[in-house]
């Protein structure tokens, strides 16, 4: 397949054009790297982008974060949410922009990439509570671990437009699985993502070694992928989830809170993906 060879070459090519972070999100992420960031400065930056500003306000007024009254001030919203949530929202907006960056995009493939990213973020965040991971970090890890798929999506769309043929969903899924780690590593480097997150993006398909310091995160990511497959957000596979290696390694097989999480995930993901 010509597209397969092209993506293979992109893994090492110096000419690969990486998706860019929206200007406002990039400035906010840069400011947040300073532990002594100023809330009013972050708020002023966010106010320059209507979509990002609306997202921040909507999140601050959501059930999860809302206080005694609604807020309409970006500065108050930033204070309410805190640095970790603001960082998460900036990365989510950046991924959305990278995914939906073409007016003539194949809607099915685009929605496949986006829905899976959002679903993975919420599954990882849910698992974090059970395996002692930070929920915000887990959300971002789930959201971005397959970020290499946006380059597969872009190249598939360009091939479709140029050669006037459609890349079917099965072929697209194969290409994503085959190339997303190497391409994701390129994006992680280009976006200056933290080293811990970059390592997970570049290598999360294989079972982790026993002495891997990120062993829990890797097993949780593999369990996230299995759950997303069972719920139809990625190619379906008849996993025997409670007997699977990730569930065993994370010690979740006999835990009632894990079973409860699985029971509520279908409705939760339908709602969260619809809102995103």
Protein backbone atom coordinates (compact mmCIF):
# COMPACT_ATOMS: atom_id res chain seq x y z
CA UNK A 1 0.00 0.00 0.00
CA UNK A 2 1.45 3.36 -1.04
CA UNK A 3 0.03 5.14 1.99
CA UNK A 4 1.63 2.58 4.28
CA UNK A 5 5.06 3.24 2.75
CA UNK A 6 4.54 7.00 2.96
CA UNK A 7 3.70 6.81 6.65
CA UNK A 8 6.69 4.53 7.23
CA UNK A 9 8.95 7.17 5.67
CA UNK A 10 7.34 9.92 7.75
CA UNK A 11 8.54 8.22 10.91
CA UNK A 12 12.11 9.37 10.25
CA UNK A 13 11.76 12.13 7.65
CA UNK A 14 13.05 15.59 8.51
CA UNK A 15 10.46 17.03 6.11
CA UNK A 16 7.41 15.81 8.05
CA UNK A 17 4.97 18.67 8.63
CA UNK A 18 3.70 18.37 12.18
CA UNK A 19 0.26 19.58 13.28
CA UNK A 20 0.54 22.88 15.12
CA UNK A 21 -0.85 23.98 18.47
CA UNK A 22 -3.30 26.90 18.22
CA UNK A 23 -1.50 30.13 19.04
CA UNK A 24 -3.48 30.93 22.18
CA UNK A 25 -3.22 27.38 23.55
CA UNK A 26 0.53 27.42 22.90
CA UNK A 27 0.96 30.69 24.80
CA UNK A 28 -1.11 29.44 27.73
CA UNK A 29 0.82 26.16 27.91
CA UNK A 30 4.08 28.11 27.80
CA UNK A 31 2.96 30.40 30.64
CA UNK A 32 1.84 27.44 32.75
CA UNK A 33 5.35 25.97 32.65
CA UNK A 34 6.31 28.79 35.03
CA UNK A 35 5.29 27.77 38.55
CA UNK A 36 4.79 31.46 39.36
CA UNK A 37 2.36 32.06 36.51
CA UNK A 38 -0.11 34.92 36.91
CA UNK A 39 -3.80 34.12 36.74
CA UNK A 40 -4.64 37.45 35.11
CA UNK A 41 -2.05 36.83 32.39
CA UNK A 42 -3.46 33.36 31.65
CA UNK A 43 -6.99 34.79 31.58
CA UNK A 44 -5.96 37.56 29.19
CA UNK A 45 -4.38 35.02 26.83
CA UNK A 46 -7.44 32.76 26.91
CA UNK A 47 -9.74 35.72 26.21
CA UNK A 48 -8.12 36.16 22.79
CA UNK A 49 -9.73 32.99 21.44
CA UNK A 50 -13.53 32.83 21.59
CA UNK A 51 -13.71 29.05 21.30
CA UNK A 52 -11.11 28.42 24.01
CA UNK A 53 -12.63 31.08 26.27
CA UNK A 54 -16.08 29.54 25.91
CA UNK A 55 -14.65 26.09 26.69
CA UNK A 56 -12.98 27.37 29.87
CA UNK A 57 -16.15 29.08 31.05
CA UNK A 58 -18.31 26.05 30.24
CA UNK A 59 -15.96 23.79 32.19
CA UNK A 60 -15.80 26.14 35.18
CA UNK A 61 -19.61 26.18 35.29
CA UNK A 62 -20.01 22.44 34.83
CA UNK A 63 -21.38 20.22 37.59
CA UNK A 64 -17.89 18.95 38.38
CA UNK A 65 -16.35 22.38 39.06
CA UNK A 66 -19.24 24.79 39.65
CA UNK A 67 -19.31 26.69 42.93
CA UNK A 68 -22.29 28.37 44.53
CA UNK A 69 -22.88 30.57 41.49
CA UNK A 70 -22.13 30.76 37.79
CA UNK A 71 -19.03 32.63 36.67
CA UNK A 72 -18.72 34.84 33.60
CA UNK A 73 -15.19 36.07 34.24
CA UNK A 74 -12.32 34.21 32.58
CA UNK A 75 -10.03 35.17 35.46
CA UNK A 76 -12.41 33.68 38.03
CA UNK A 77 -12.81 30.57 35.83
CA UNK A 78 -9.02 30.12 35.64
CA UNK A 79 -8.73 30.45 39.42
CA UNK A 80 -11.53 27.95 39.95
CA UNK A 81 -10.13 25.34 37.57
CA UNK A 82 -6.43 25.59 38.42
CA UNK A 83 -3.34 24.99 36.32
CA UNK A 84 -3.79 21.25 35.74
CA UNK A 85 -7.30 21.55 34.35
CA UNK A 86 -6.41 24.58 32.22
CA UNK A 87 -3.45 22.66 30.80
CA UNK A 88 -5.72 19.73 30.05
CA UNK A 89 -8.22 21.96 28.25
CA UNK A 90 -5.46 23.57 26.14
CA UNK A 91 -4.18 20.17 25.04
CA UNK A 92 -7.72 18.99 24.29
CA UNK A 93 -8.32 22.07 22.14
CA UNK A 94 -4.99 21.50 20.39
CA UNK A 95 -5.87 17.90 19.56
CA UNK A 96 -9.31 18.99 18.33
CA UNK A 97 -7.73 21.59 16.04
CA UNK A 98 -5.23 19.03 14.70
CA UNK A 99 -8.01 16.50 14.05
CA UNK A 100 -10.59 18.83 12.47
CA UNK A 101 -8.15 20.89 10.42
CA UNK A 102 -9.61 20.35 6.95
CA UNK A 103 -12.91 21.57 5.54
CA UNK A 104 -13.05 18.63 3.11
CA UNK A 105 -12.20 16.04 5.75
CA UNK A 106 -13.62 12.54 5.59
CA UNK A 107 -16.16 12.88 8.38
CA UNK A 108 -16.19 9.19 9.32
CA UNK A 109 -12.43 8.93 9.76
CA UNK A 110 -12.22 12.29 11.52
CA UNK A 111 -14.97 11.41 13.99
CA UNK A 112 -13.35 8.02 14.57
CA UNK A 113 -10.09 9.65 15.69
CA UNK A 114 -11.76 12.31 17.83
CA UNK A 115 -14.36 10.09 19.53
CA UNK A 116 -11.72 7.52 20.43
CA UNK A 117 -9.42 10.17 21.90
CA UNK A 118 -12.16 11.62 24.10
CA UNK A 119 -13.38 8.18 25.17
CA UNK A 120 -9.84 7.08 26.04
CA UNK A 121 -9.32 10.22 28.12
CA UNK A 122 -12.39 9.53 30.24
CA UNK A 123 -11.67 5.80 30.61
CA UNK A 124 -8.11 6.53 31.77
CA UNK A 125 -9.37 9.18 34.16
CA UNK A 126 -11.84 6.66 35.62
CA UNK A 127 -9.17 3.99 35.99
CA UNK A 128 -6.82 6.49 37.65
CA UNK A 129 -9.01 6.54 40.75
CA UNK A 130 -8.63 2.78 41.09
CA UNK A 131 -4.88 2.43 40.50
CA UNK A 132 -3.56 5.52 42.31
CA UNK A 133 -2.72 7.69 39.29
CA UNK A 134 -3.32 11.43 39.05
CA UNK A 135 -6.67 11.91 37.31
CA UNK A 136 -5.67 14.96 35.28
CA UNK A 137 -2.44 13.32 34.10
CA UNK A 138 -4.36 10.15 33.25
CA UNK A 139 -6.95 12.15 31.28
CA UNK A 140 -4.22 13.81 29.18
CA UNK A 141 -2.43 10.49 28.69
CA UNK A 142 -5.60 8.84 27.43
CA UNK A 143 -6.41 11.83 25.24
CA UNK A 144 -3.01 12.03 23.55
CA UNK A 145 -1.57 8.50 23.62
CA UNK A 146 -2.68 7.86 20.01
CA UNK A 147 -2.01 11.39 18.76
CA UNK A 148 0.01 9.97 15.86
CA UNK A 149 -3.37 9.05 14.35
CA UNK A 150 -3.89 12.69 13.32
CA UNK A 151 -1.01 12.39 10.86
CA UNK A 152 -2.41 9.11 9.53
CA UNK A 153 -5.74 10.92 9.14
CA UNK A 154 -4.18 13.86 7.34
CA UNK A 155 -2.26 11.69 4.89
CA UNK A 156 -5.28 9.46 4.25
CA UNK A 157 -7.37 12.53 3.43
CA UNK A 158 -4.70 13.93 1.13
CA UNK A 159 -4.42 10.61 -0.70
CA UNK A 160 -8.19 10.45 -1.08
CA UNK A 161 -8.34 13.98 -2.52
CA UNK A 162 -5.40 13.46 -4.87
CA UNK A 163 -6.15 9.95 -6.13
CA UNK A 164 -9.95 10.08 -5.76
CA UNK A 165 -10.33 6.86 -3.85
CA UNK A 166 -11.55 6.28 -0.32
CA UNK A 167 -9.44 4.73 2.42
CA UNK A 168 -11.91 2.36 4.08
CA UNK A 169 -12.20 2.21 7.85
CA UNK A 170 -10.49 -1.19 8.22
CA UNK A 171 -7.45 -0.03 6.25
CA UNK A 172 -7.36 3.21 8.23
CA UNK A 173 -7.45 1.33 11.53
CA UNK A 174 -4.59 -0.90 10.39
CA UNK A 175 -2.49 2.12 9.46
CA UNK A 176 -3.23 3.86 12.76
CA UNK A 177 -2.19 0.86 14.82
CA UNK A 178 0.95 0.33 12.75
CA UNK A 179 2.21 3.91 12.74
CA UNK A 180 0.72 5.91 15.61
CA UNK A 181 3.56 5.31 18.10
CA UNK A 182 6.37 6.57 15.84
CA UNK A 183 4.33 9.46 14.45
CA UNK A 184 3.05 10.30 17.91
CA UNK A 185 6.63 10.51 19.17
CA UNK A 186 7.35 13.10 16.47
CA UNK A 187 4.37 15.22 17.53
CA UNK A 188 5.23 14.88 21.23
CA UNK A 189 8.73 16.20 20.53
CA UNK A 190 7.42 19.00 18.33
CA UNK A 191 4.84 20.08 20.90
CA UNK A 192 7.33 19.91 23.77
CA UNK A 193 5.21 17.47 25.77
CA UNK A 194 6.59 16.25 29.12
CA UNK A 195 9.07 13.40 28.86
CA UNK A 196 6.90 11.04 30.91
CA UNK A 197 3.97 11.54 28.54
CA UNK A 198 6.19 11.38 25.46
CA UNK A 199 7.49 7.95 26.50
CA UNK A 200 3.94 6.62 26.78
CA UNK A 201 2.94 8.05 23.41
CA UNK A 202 5.96 6.52 21.69
CA UNK A 203 5.66 3.05 23.26
CA UNK A 204 2.36 1.79 24.67
CA UNK A 205 1.39 -1.21 22.56
CA UNK A 206 3.73 -3.79 24.12
CA UNK A 207 3.30 -5.18 27.65
CA UNK A 208 5.59 -3.28 30.07
CA UNK A 209 8.63 -4.81 31.71
CA UNK A 210 8.37 -5.70 35.39
CA UNK A 211 10.84 -2.95 36.34
CA UNK A 212 9.28 -0.25 34.13
CA UNK A 213 8.69 2.86 36.31
CA UNK A 214 5.60 3.63 34.20
CA UNK A 215 4.31 0.08 34.40
CA UNK A 216 0.94 1.01 35.98
CA UNK A 217 0.27 3.73 33.39
CA UNK A 218 1.11 1.35 30.53
CA UNK A 219 -1.17 -1.39 31.82
CA UNK A 220 -3.91 1.19 32.37
CA UNK A 221 -3.48 2.43 28.79
CA UNK A 222 -3.73 -1.11 27.42
CA UNK A 223 -6.84 -1.70 29.54
CA UNK A 224 -8.26 1.61 28.25
CA UNK A 225 -7.77 0.45 24.66
CA UNK A 226 -9.51 -2.85 25.42
CA UNK A 227 -12.47 -1.11 27.05
CA UNK A 228 -12.78 1.34 24.14
CA UNK A 229 -12.81 -1.60 21.73
CA UNK A 230 -15.52 -3.38 23.69
CA UNK A 231 -17.62 -0.20 23.69
CA UNK A 232 -17.23 0.35 19.95
CA UNK A 233 -14.79 3.28 19.92
CA UNK A 234 -12.15 1.19 18.14
CA UNK A 235 -12.17 -2.09 16.19
CA UNK A 236 -14.21 -4.58 18.16
CA UNK A 237 -12.53 -7.61 19.65
CA UNK A 238 -14.06 -10.27 21.93
CA UNK A 239 -11.85 -9.59 24.95
CA UNK A 240 -12.50 -11.56 28.12
CA UNK A 241 -11.87 -8.42 30.10
CA UNK A 242 -11.85 -9.72 33.67
CA UNK A 243 -9.43 -12.46 32.66
CA UNK A 244 -7.12 -10.17 30.70
CA UNK A 245 -3.50 -9.49 31.57
CA UNK A 246 -3.95 -5.73 32.25
CA UNK A 247 -6.82 -6.41 34.67
CA UNK A 248 -4.76 -9.11 36.41
CA UNK A 249 -1.61 -6.96 36.61
CA UNK A 250 -3.55 -3.99 38.00
CA UNK A 251 -5.31 -6.17 40.58
CA UNK A 252 -8.80 -5.21 39.43
CA UNK A 253 -10.42 -8.57 38.66
CA UNK A 254 -12.24 -8.98 41.96
CA UNK A 255 -12.83 -5.32 42.79
CA UNK A 256 -16.39 -4.10 42.96
CA UNK A 257 -15.40 -0.51 42.17
CA UNK A 258 -13.92 -1.67 38.85
CA UNK A 259 -17.11 -3.54 37.97
CA UNK A 260 -19.10 -0.42 38.93
CA UNK A 261 -16.92 1.72 36.67
CA UNK A 262 -17.49 -0.65 33.75
CA UNK A 263 -21.25 -0.53 34.34
CA UNK A 264 -21.47 3.27 34.17
CA UNK A 265 -18.95 3.86 31.36
CA UNK A 266 -21.26 3.30 28.35
CA UNK A 267 -23.66 6.09 29.31
CA UNK A 268 -20.89 8.35 30.61
CA UNK A 269 -18.87 8.06 27.40
CA UNK A 270 -21.89 8.67 25.21
CA UNK A 271 -22.50 11.91 27.12
CA UNK A 272 -18.88 13.05 27.25
CA UNK A 273 -18.15 12.33 23.58
CA UNK A 274 -21.31 14.18 22.59
CA UNK A 275 -20.27 17.24 24.63
CA UNK A 276 -16.64 17.32 23.44
